[in-house]
Amino acid sequence: QVQLVESGGGLVQAGGSLKLSCAASGRTFSRYRMGWFRQAPGKEREFVGFISWSGSSTYYPDSVKGRFYISRDNAKNTVYLQMNSLKPEDTAVYYCAAYLRGGSYLESSNYDAWGQGTQVTVSS
């Protein structure tokens, strides 16, 4: 089992940038594919990004494509989410999660371990 802790959230003006980190501990972190999700008040949890175990493949929804970038450093047991050109609609609690084999990476139910989340607030 892997344990995840997000950090790096905060308050930022529209158009600004933030870089979130997800520190992992566990025996087999490097074998886990990882995802980022976000959840705003009154809304369902939304897929933000996915990265393969090696970091060579990434996937993003249209809502963040071209603005958000996911990366990982397995030697440091850390996954990152670089967020650029932030918009007020990006305001949410952001979570990293470890993906289980099988099922769509778009669905949060297919992820096993979750971090506690970090708040990102984008003001206009």
C-alpha atoms as a PDB file:
ATOM      1  CA  GLN A   1       0.000   0.000   0.000  1.00  0.00           C
ATOM      2  CA  VAL A   2       1.177   3.517  -0.781  1.00  0.00           C
ATOM      3  CA  GLN A   3       0.595   6.632   1.307  1.00  0.00           C
ATOM      4  CA  LEU A   4       0.297  10.014  -0.395  1.00  0.00           C
ATOM      5  CA  VAL A   5       0.613  13.576   0.896  1.00  0.00           C
ATOM      6  CA  GLU A   6      -0.072  16.606  -1.306  1.00  0.00           C
ATOM      7  CA  SER A   7       1.433  20.034  -0.800  1.00  0.00           C
ATOM      8  CA  GLY A   8       1.939  23.284  -2.672  1.00  0.00           C
ATOM      9  CA  GLY A   9      -1.596  24.623  -2.806  1.00  0.00           C
ATOM     10  CA  GLY A  10      -2.480  28.182  -1.977  1.00  0.00           C
ATOM     11  CA  LEU A  11      -4.045  31.409  -3.157  1.00  0.00           C
ATOM     12  CA  VAL A  12      -3.039  32.751  -6.546  1.00  0.00           C
ATOM     13  CA  GLN A  13      -4.298  35.415  -8.920  1.00  0.00           C
ATOM     14  CA  ALA A  14      -5.820  34.432 -12.241  1.00  0.00           C
ATOM     15  CA  GLY A  15      -3.097  33.856 -14.803  1.00  0.00           C
ATOM     16  CA  GLY A  16      -0.618  32.745 -12.191  1.00  0.00           C
ATOM     17  CA  SER A  17       1.036  29.397 -11.618  1.00  0.00           C
ATOM     18  CA  LEU A  18       1.345  26.834  -8.881  1.00  0.00           C
ATOM     19  CA  LYS A  19       3.232  23.577  -8.640  1.00  0.00           C
ATOM     20  CA  LEU A  20       1.722  20.846  -6.513  1.00  0.00           C
ATOM     21  CA  SER A  21       3.731  17.980  -5.095  1.00  0.00           C
ATOM     22  CA  CYS A  22       2.614  14.552  -4.007  1.00  0.00           C
ATOM     23  CA  ALA A  23       5.045  12.761  -1.738  1.00  0.00           C
ATOM     24  CA  ALA A  24       4.627   9.009  -1.609  1.00  0.00           C
ATOM     25  CA  SER A  25       5.790   6.345   0.755  1.00  0.00           C
ATOM     26  CA  GLY A  26       5.496   2.628   0.350  1.00  0.00           C
ATOM     27  CA  ARG A  27       7.171  -0.402  -1.070  1.00  0.00           C
ATOM     28  CA  THR A  28       6.119  -0.198  -4.700  1.00  0.00           C
ATOM     29  CA  PHE A  29       5.532   3.458  -5.556  1.00  0.00           C
ATOM     30  CA  SER A  30       7.459   3.257  -8.808  1.00  0.00           C
ATOM     31  CA  ARG A  31       5.087   0.526 -10.028  1.00  0.00           C
ATOM     32  CA  TYR A  32       1.991   2.696  -9.563  1.00  0.00           C
ATOM     33  CA  ARG A  33       0.503   4.773 -12.276  1.00  0.00           C
ATOM     34  CA  MET A  34      -0.657   8.046 -10.770  1.00  0.00           C
ATOM     35  CA  GLY A  35      -3.499  10.451 -11.309  1.00  0.00           C
ATOM     36  CA  TRP A  36      -4.518  13.916 -10.211  1.00  0.00           C
ATOM     37  CA  PHE A  37      -8.114  14.842  -9.466  1.00  0.00           C
ATOM     38  CA  ARG A  38      -9.850  17.921  -8.159  1.00  0.00           C
ATOM     39  CA  GLN A  39     -13.128  18.608  -6.439  1.00  0.00           C
ATOM     40  CA  ALA A  40     -14.880  21.938  -6.112  1.00  0.00           C
ATOM     41  CA  PRO A  41     -17.746  22.584  -3.679  1.00  0.00           C
ATOM     42  CA  GLY A  42     -20.992  21.122  -4.964  1.00  0.00           C
ATOM     43  CA  LYS A  43     -19.307  19.258  -7.806  1.00  0.00           C
ATOM     44  CA  GLU A  44     -18.153  15.716  -8.444  1.00  0.00           C
ATOM     45  CA  ARG A  45     -14.512  14.778  -8.357  1.00  0.00           C
ATOM     46  CA  GLU A  46     -12.954  15.624 -11.714  1.00  0.00           C
ATOM     47  CA  PHE A  47     -10.054  13.966 -13.512  1.00  0.00           C
ATOM     48  CA  VAL A  48      -7.133  16.316 -14.067  1.00  0.00           C
ATOM     49  CA  GLY A  49      -4.217  14.212 -15.259  1.00  0.00           C
ATOM     50  CA  PHE A  50      -2.617  10.787 -15.485  1.00  0.00           C
ATOM     51  CA  ILE A  51       0.953   9.580 -15.740  1.00  0.00           C
ATOM     52  CA  SER A  52       2.374   6.151 -16.488  1.00  0.00           C
ATOM     53  CA  TRP A  53       4.726   4.379 -14.123  1.00  0.00           C
ATOM     54  CA  SER A  54       7.786   5.472 -16.093  1.00  0.00           C
ATOM     55  CA  GLY A  55       6.541   9.008 -16.657  1.00  0.00           C
ATOM     56  CA  SER A  56       6.776   8.619 -20.416  1.00  0.00           C
ATOM     57  CA  SER A  57       3.024   8.906 -21.032  1.00  0.00           C
ATOM     58  CA  THR A  58       0.619  11.523 -19.740  1.00  0.00           C
ATOM     59  CA  TYR A  59      -3.051  12.269 -20.368  1.00  0.00           C
ATOM     60  CA  TYR A  60      -5.154  15.332 -19.668  1.00  0.00           C
ATOM     61  CA  PRO A  61      -8.763  16.381 -20.088  1.00  0.00           C
ATOM     62  CA  ASP A  62      -9.571  19.236 -22.422  1.00  0.00           C
ATOM     63  CA  SER A  63     -10.272  21.534 -19.494  1.00  0.00           C
ATOM     64  CA  VAL A  64      -6.597  21.661 -18.498  1.00  0.00           C
ATOM     65  CA  LYS A  65      -4.704  20.463 -21.566  1.00  0.00           C
ATOM     66  CA  GLY A  66      -1.976  22.907 -22.506  1.00  0.00           C
ATOM     67  CA  ARG A  67      -2.026  24.510 -19.063  1.00  0.00           C
ATOM     68  CA  PHE A  68      -1.392  21.656 -16.622  1.00  0.00           C
ATOM     69  CA  TYR A  69       1.530  19.246 -16.740  1.00  0.00           C
ATOM     70  CA  ILE A  70       2.041  16.114 -14.678  1.00  0.00           C
ATOM     71  CA  SER A  71       5.463  14.623 -14.019  1.00  0.00           C
ATOM     72  CA  ARG A  72       7.114  12.241 -11.603  1.00  0.00           C
ATOM     73  CA  ASP A  73      10.474  11.546 -10.074  1.00  0.00           C
ATOM     74  CA  ASN A  74      10.510   7.958  -8.912  1.00  0.00           C
ATOM     75  CA  ALA A  75      13.895   8.394  -7.273  1.00  0.00           C
ATOM     76  CA  LYS A  76      12.288  10.994  -5.007  1.00  0.00           C
ATOM     77  CA  ASN A  77       8.959   9.164  -4.694  1.00  0.00           C
ATOM     78  CA  THR A  78       7.193  12.299  -5.835  1.00  0.00           C
ATOM     79  CA  VAL A  79       4.575  13.235  -8.427  1.00  0.00           C
ATOM     80  CA  TYR A  80       4.076  16.833  -9.527  1.00  0.00           C
ATOM     81  CA  LEU A  81       1.307  18.873 -11.069  1.00  0.00           C
ATOM     82  CA  GLN A  82       2.475  22.099 -12.682  1.00  0.00           C
ATOM     83  CA  MET A  83      -0.472  24.444 -13.180  1.00  0.00           C
ATOM     84  CA  ASN A  84      -0.097  27.459 -15.440  1.00  0.00           C
ATOM     85  CA  SER A  85      -2.492  30.148 -16.639  1.00  0.00           C
ATOM     86  CA  LEU A  86      -4.779  29.427 -13.735  1.00  0.00           C
ATOM     87  CA  LYS A  87      -8.422  30.407 -13.954  1.00  0.00           C
ATOM     88  CA  PRO A  88     -11.002  30.958 -11.205  1.00  0.00           C
ATOM     89  CA  GLU A  89     -12.756  27.772 -12.325  1.00  0.00           C
ATOM     90  CA  ASP A  90      -9.614  25.845 -11.373  1.00  0.00           C
ATOM     91  CA  THR A  91     -10.401  26.542  -7.720  1.00  0.00           C
ATOM     92  CA  ALA A  92     -10.762  23.201  -5.959  1.00  0.00           C
ATOM     93  CA  VAL A  93      -9.169  20.759  -3.592  1.00  0.00           C
ATOM     94  CA  TYR A  94      -6.569  18.826  -5.563  1.00  0.00           C
ATOM     95  CA  TYR A  95      -5.812  15.179  -4.851  1.00  0.00           C
ATOM     96  CA  CYS A  96      -3.220  12.755  -6.080  1.00  0.00           C
ATOM     97  CA  ALA A  97      -4.064   9.078  -6.245  1.00  0.00           C
ATOM     98  CA  ALA A  98      -2.491   5.739  -7.055  1.00  0.00           C
ATOM     99  CA  TYR A  99      -4.050   3.791  -9.915  1.00  0.00           C
ATOM    100  CA  LEU A 100      -5.025   0.131  -9.703  1.00  0.00           C
ATOM    101  CA  ARG A 101      -4.574  -2.139 -12.676  1.00  0.00           C
ATOM    102  CA  GLY A 102      -7.717  -2.541 -14.708  1.00  0.00           C
ATOM    103  CA  GLY A 103     -10.481  -0.069 -15.396  1.00  0.00           C
ATOM    104  CA  SER A 104     -10.419   3.412 -16.854  1.00  0.00           C
ATOM    105  CA  TYR A 105      -7.923   5.875 -15.414  1.00  0.00           C
ATOM    106  CA  LEU A 106     -10.612   8.521 -15.863  1.00  0.00           C
ATOM    107  CA  GLU A 107     -12.678   7.102 -13.020  1.00  0.00           C
ATOM    108  CA  SER A 108     -11.745   7.876  -9.446  1.00  0.00           C
ATOM    109  CA  SER A 109     -13.168   4.544  -8.281  1.00  0.00           C
ATOM    110  CA  ASN A 110     -10.274   2.757  -9.994  1.00  0.00           C
ATOM    111  CA  TYR A 111      -7.691   4.418  -7.761  1.00  0.00           C
ATOM    112  CA  ASP A 112      -6.609   2.873  -4.493  1.00  0.00           C
ATOM    113  CA  ALA A 113      -4.668   5.289  -2.297  1.00  0.00           C
ATOM    114  CA  TRP A 114      -5.541   8.977  -2.006  1.00  0.00           C
ATOM    115  CA  GLY A 115      -3.835  11.928  -0.435  1.00  0.00           C
ATOM    116  CA  GLN A 116      -5.571  14.324   1.932  1.00  0.00           C
ATOM    117  CA  GLY A 117      -5.834  17.019  -0.726  1.00  0.00           C
ATOM    118  CA  THR A 118      -4.459  20.524  -1.002  1.00  0.00           C
ATOM    119  CA  GLN A 119      -6.567  23.632  -1.557  1.00  0.00           C
ATOM    120  CA  VAL A 120      -6.002  25.730  -4.659  1.00  0.00           C
ATOM    121  CA  THR A 121      -7.843  29.036  -4.820  1.00  0.00           C
ATOM    122  CA  VAL A 122      -7.650  31.239  -7.900  1.00  0.00           C
ATOM    123  CA  SER A 123      -8.970  34.766  -7.525  1.00  0.00           C
ATOM    124  CA  SER A 124     -10.025  37.084 -10.329  1.00  0.00           C
END
